[in-house]
Amino acid sequence: MGALRQVKIARKGEVTVEVIVGFQKPAGIEVALYGTDRRKEKVLGSGVSLDPIPDKFQVAPSAKAPTLDGKFVGVFVAISSFSPVESEPMSVTTILRQDDVPIPGGTTTVMGSVVNGGGGVVIVYQMAVV
């Protein structure tokens, strides 16, 4: 499952992304920055989520916000299940923020099912600096 969103960010202000995995599913998370040519420039952070508390990753400090123009931020979530049930509900919400304020169009929720013990979600934001 996936989603692509185009968002506008200001020239100043720290840019972060929060990732919330619903239904208390264990998940591996990776957040990466891609250039305008869609090649991975660097991994911004990664981790494991075991609770509904948001995991926060810095995309760019305030001084670097203008360098994000035309670039992509990819959020990749691999979800597992604690039980061998054939299908269980799952959700992933991402919130793109600038100076801790949600960016218009920067909140995405993907809902579905973890099938046969695993599933994945990809959410990508393309940045436009205004």
Protein backbone atom coordinates (compact mmCIF):
# COMPACT_ATOMS: atom_id res chain seq x y z
CA MET A 1 0.00 0.00 0.00
CA GLY A 2 1.26 3.46 -0.72
CA ALA A 3 0.60 7.15 -1.14
CA LEU A 4 2.31 10.11 -2.82
CA ARG A 5 1.63 13.64 -1.55
CA GLN A 6 2.97 16.98 -2.75
CA VAL A 7 3.43 19.53 0.02
CA LYS A 8 4.60 23.13 0.26
CA ILE A 9 7.07 24.12 2.96
CA ALA A 10 8.40 27.50 4.06
CA ARG A 11 12.00 28.56 3.50
CA LYS A 12 12.68 28.52 7.25
CA GLY A 13 11.74 26.09 9.97
CA GLU A 14 12.81 22.62 11.04
CA VAL A 15 11.05 19.90 9.02
CA THR A 16 10.17 16.63 10.79
CA VAL A 17 7.97 13.63 10.13
CA GLU A 18 6.10 11.63 12.76
CA VAL A 19 5.14 8.02 12.17
CA ILE A 20 2.34 6.37 14.14
CA VAL A 21 1.67 2.65 13.73
CA GLY A 22 -1.85 1.77 14.84
CA PHE A 23 -3.38 -1.33 16.40
CA GLN A 24 -0.19 -1.85 18.44
CA LYS A 25 1.57 -3.78 15.70
CA PRO A 26 5.34 -4.20 15.78
CA ALA A 27 6.90 -2.41 12.84
CA GLY A 28 10.24 -1.49 11.34
CA ILE A 29 10.45 2.09 10.08
CA GLU A 30 12.86 3.79 7.69
CA VAL A 31 12.70 7.44 6.62
CA ALA A 32 14.88 8.43 3.66
CA LEU A 33 15.58 11.53 1.57
CA TYR A 34 15.54 11.23 -2.22
CA GLY A 35 16.88 13.76 -4.71
CA THR A 36 14.96 15.34 -7.56
CA ASP A 37 16.29 12.46 -9.70
CA ARG A 38 14.54 10.05 -7.28
CA ARG A 39 17.80 8.50 -6.09
CA LYS A 40 18.25 7.90 -2.38
CA GLU A 41 20.53 10.57 -0.90
CA LYS A 42 20.51 9.36 2.68
CA VAL A 43 18.60 7.53 5.37
CA LEU A 44 17.26 10.13 7.80
CA GLY A 45 16.43 7.60 10.49
CA SER A 46 15.18 4.13 11.24
CA GLY A 47 13.81 2.22 14.16
CA VAL A 48 11.29 -0.20 15.58
CA SER A 49 7.83 0.75 16.81
CA LEU A 50 6.05 -1.39 19.39
CA ASP A 51 3.50 1.13 20.67
CA PRO A 52 1.13 3.87 19.44
CA ILE A 53 3.51 6.64 20.54
CA PRO A 54 4.68 8.67 17.50
CA ASP A 55 8.24 8.10 16.30
CA LYS A 56 9.75 11.45 15.20
CA PHE A 57 12.46 11.88 12.57
CA GLN A 58 14.20 15.09 11.51
CA VAL A 59 14.04 15.72 7.76
CA ALA A 60 16.00 19.00 7.79
CA PRO A 61 17.04 21.63 10.31
CA SER A 62 15.67 25.14 9.70
CA ALA A 63 18.74 26.34 7.78
CA LYS A 64 18.50 23.41 5.33
CA ALA A 65 14.75 23.71 4.55
CA PRO A 66 15.38 25.53 1.21
CA THR A 67 17.52 22.60 0.00
CA LEU A 68 14.44 20.31 0.08
CA ASP A 69 12.84 21.94 -2.98
CA GLY A 70 11.76 19.22 -5.42
CA LYS A 71 13.11 16.42 -3.23
CA PHE A 72 11.18 13.48 -1.82
CA VAL A 73 10.88 12.09 1.70
CA GLY A 74 9.98 8.41 1.79
CA VAL A 75 8.53 6.68 4.85
CA PHE A 76 8.71 2.88 4.69
CA VAL A 77 6.97 0.75 7.31
CA ALA A 78 7.17 -3.05 7.52
CA ILE A 79 4.46 -4.34 9.84
CA SER A 80 4.36 -7.69 11.63
CA SER A 81 1.71 -9.48 13.61
CA PHE A 82 1.97 -10.96 17.07
CA SER A 83 -0.42 -13.76 16.15
CA PRO A 84 -0.82 -16.17 13.25
CA VAL A 85 -4.30 -14.84 12.41
CA GLU A 86 -4.86 -14.77 8.65
CA SER A 87 -5.85 -11.08 8.52
CA GLU A 88 -5.59 -8.33 11.15
CA PRO A 89 -6.28 -4.59 10.89
CA MET A 90 -3.36 -2.19 10.66
CA SER A 91 -2.81 1.51 10.09
CA VAL A 92 0.08 3.90 9.57
CA THR A 93 -0.23 7.67 9.95
CA THR A 94 2.49 10.13 9.03
CA ILE A 95 2.47 13.80 9.97
CA LEU A 96 4.89 16.12 8.22
CA ARG A 97 5.61 19.18 10.39
CA GLN A 98 7.52 22.43 10.13
CA ASP A 99 8.48 23.96 13.47
CA ASP A 100 6.12 21.41 15.10
CA VAL A 101 3.10 22.68 13.11
CA PRO A 102 1.44 20.19 10.74
CA ILE A 103 2.05 21.13 7.09
CA PRO A 104 -1.16 21.39 5.02
CA GLY A 105 -1.53 18.16 3.04
CA GLY A 106 1.23 16.55 5.10
CA THR A 107 -0.91 14.15 7.13
CA THR A 108 -1.54 10.76 5.58
CA THR A 109 -3.23 7.67 7.00
CA VAL A 110 -3.10 4.29 5.28
CA MET A 111 -5.36 1.56 6.63
CA GLY A 112 -5.59 -2.07 5.66
CA SER A 113 -4.86 -5.57 6.84
CA VAL A 114 -1.75 -7.43 7.87
CA VAL A 115 -2.11 -10.61 5.84
CA ASN A 116 -0.43 -13.85 6.88
CA GLY A 117 1.74 -12.16 9.49
CA GLY A 118 3.16 -9.19 7.57
CA GLY A 119 2.58 -6.17 5.36
CA GLY A 120 4.14 -2.95 4.21
CA VAL A 121 3.28 0.70 3.70
CA VAL A 122 5.13 3.32 1.65
CA ILE A 123 4.28 7.02 1.98
CA VAL A 124 6.20 9.59 -0.09
CA TYR A 125 6.10 13.39 0.15
CA GLN A 126 7.46 15.65 -2.60
CA MET A 127 8.59 19.02 -1.25
CA ALA A 128 8.08 22.42 -2.83
CA VAL A 129 9.70 25.36 -1.05
CA VAL A 130 7.59 28.53 -1.20
